[in-house]
Amino acid sequence: MDDCTAIERALQVFGRAWAAAVLTTMLAGAERFSEIARGVGGVTDAVLSARLRELCAAGLADRVVQPGPPVVVRYLLTDAGRGTAPVLEALADFGRRTNTV
C-alpha cells in the first residue's frame, strides 16, 4: 500500500467529527459513556454513540457489558487503539504550531 492510500485510510478514522477527541479522552482513562462525553465536551449523545460504534468496528475499542444490576457498559481501547497515542500527540503538536484555521 502506498503512503497516500495509507494516509487516506487513517483519515477515515481520525477525520470523523469528534473521533480524535474521543480517542484522546479514552487514552486519558475514560471508559464509561458519561465519562467520555464529559471529557470530550460538546459532543451530542448521538454523535458520541456513532463514534464509539465506529471505533469498535475499526478494532480500536471494545464494548464490554458487565451484567448488573445495574448493567455497566464500558468502552476499552484495544492495543491498536492505545497505539494511536503517538499519532494523536503528533496531531496535537502540529495544531499547537500551526496558524491555520
Protein backbone atom coordinates (compact mmCIF):
# COMPACT_ATOMS: atom_id res chain seq x y z
CA MET A 1 0.00 0.00 0.00
CA ASP A 2 1.41 3.40 -0.92
CA ASP A 3 1.66 6.28 1.53
CA CYS A 4 -1.27 8.23 0.06
CA THR A 5 -3.59 5.24 0.38
CA ALA A 6 -2.40 4.57 3.93
CA ILE A 7 -2.98 8.21 4.92
CA GLU A 8 -6.48 8.14 3.42
CA ARG A 9 -7.29 5.01 5.45
CA ALA A 10 -6.07 6.70 8.63
CA LEU A 11 -8.11 9.81 7.88
CA GLN A 12 -11.24 7.66 7.56
CA VAL A 13 -10.90 7.13 11.31
CA PHE A 14 -9.24 10.34 12.55
CA GLY A 15 -11.10 12.62 10.13
CA ARG A 16 -14.55 11.85 11.52
CA ALA A 17 -16.01 14.57 13.72
CA TRP A 18 -15.04 14.05 17.36
CA ALA A 19 -13.13 10.78 16.71
CA ALA A 20 -9.74 12.16 17.76
CA ALA A 21 -11.28 13.80 20.83
CA VAL A 22 -12.97 10.54 21.83
CA LEU A 23 -9.74 8.58 21.44
CA THR A 24 -7.77 11.20 23.36
CA THR A 25 -10.31 11.13 26.20
CA MET A 26 -10.20 7.34 26.30
CA LEU A 27 -6.39 7.38 26.32
CA ALA A 28 -6.68 9.56 29.43
CA GLY A 29 -8.66 6.79 31.13
CA ALA A 30 -12.34 7.46 30.46
CA GLU A 31 -14.30 4.23 29.97
CA ARG A 32 -18.00 4.86 30.62
CA PHE A 33 -20.17 6.70 28.10
CA SER A 34 -20.82 9.57 30.51
CA GLU A 35 -17.11 9.89 31.36
CA ILE A 36 -16.20 10.03 27.68
CA ALA A 37 -18.95 12.58 26.97
CA ARG A 38 -17.80 14.76 29.86
CA GLY A 39 -14.15 14.50 28.76
CA VAL A 40 -14.91 15.40 25.16
CA GLY A 41 -17.35 18.19 25.99
CA GLY A 42 -19.86 19.49 23.47
CA VAL A 43 -20.48 16.23 21.61
CA THR A 44 -24.08 15.06 21.35
CA ASP A 45 -25.03 11.62 22.65
CA ALA A 46 -25.97 10.51 19.12
CA VAL A 47 -22.62 11.52 17.64
CA LEU A 48 -20.68 10.02 20.55
CA SER A 49 -22.60 6.79 20.21
CA ALA A 50 -21.84 6.70 16.47
CA ARG A 51 -18.12 7.39 17.02
CA LEU A 52 -17.88 4.66 19.66
CA ARG A 53 -19.57 2.17 17.32
CA GLU A 54 -17.14 3.14 14.55
CA LEU A 55 -14.11 2.84 16.82
CA CYS A 56 -15.29 -0.62 17.89
CA ALA A 57 -15.87 -1.63 14.25
CA ALA A 58 -12.37 -0.39 13.35
CA GLY A 59 -10.86 -2.54 16.10
CA LEU A 60 -9.69 0.43 18.16
CA ALA A 61 -12.09 -0.10 21.06
CA ASP A 62 -14.16 -2.86 22.61
CA ARG A 63 -17.60 -2.51 24.16
CA VAL A 64 -17.76 -4.52 27.37
CA VAL A 65 -21.10 -5.12 29.11
CA GLN A 66 -20.97 -6.13 32.75
CA PRO A 67 -24.23 -7.67 33.93
CA GLY A 68 -25.89 -5.94 36.82
CA PRO A 69 -27.94 -4.70 38.35
CA PRO A 70 -27.07 -2.16 37.33
CA VAL A 71 -25.73 -3.14 33.92
CA VAL A 72 -22.43 -1.36 33.34
CA VAL A 73 -21.16 -0.67 29.81
CA ARG A 74 -17.52 0.24 29.40
CA TYR A 75 -15.54 1.13 26.30
CA LEU A 76 -11.96 -0.08 26.44
CA LEU A 77 -9.20 0.71 23.99
CA THR A 78 -7.63 -2.25 22.27
CA ASP A 79 -3.89 -2.47 21.69
CA ALA A 80 -4.50 -0.83 18.31
CA GLY A 81 -6.48 1.94 19.99
CA ARG A 82 -3.72 2.58 22.50
CA GLY A 83 -1.33 2.61 19.55
CA THR A 84 -2.99 5.80 18.28
CA ALA A 85 -1.40 7.81 21.10
CA PRO A 86 1.70 8.88 19.11
CA VAL A 87 -0.46 9.89 16.14
CA LEU A 88 -2.77 11.97 18.33
CA GLU A 89 0.21 13.55 20.10
CA ALA A 90 1.73 14.46 16.71
CA LEU A 91 -1.58 15.97 15.57
CA ALA A 92 -1.86 17.98 18.78
CA ASP A 93 1.72 19.20 18.39
CA PHE A 94 1.03 20.21 14.79
CA GLY A 95 -2.13 22.02 15.89
CA ARG A 96 -0.21 23.97 18.51
CA ARG A 97 2.44 25.03 15.97
CA THR A 98 0.24 25.96 13.03
CA ASN A 99 -1.53 29.22 12.34
CA THR A 100 -4.15 27.74 10.03
CA VAL A 101 -7.81 27.61 10.93
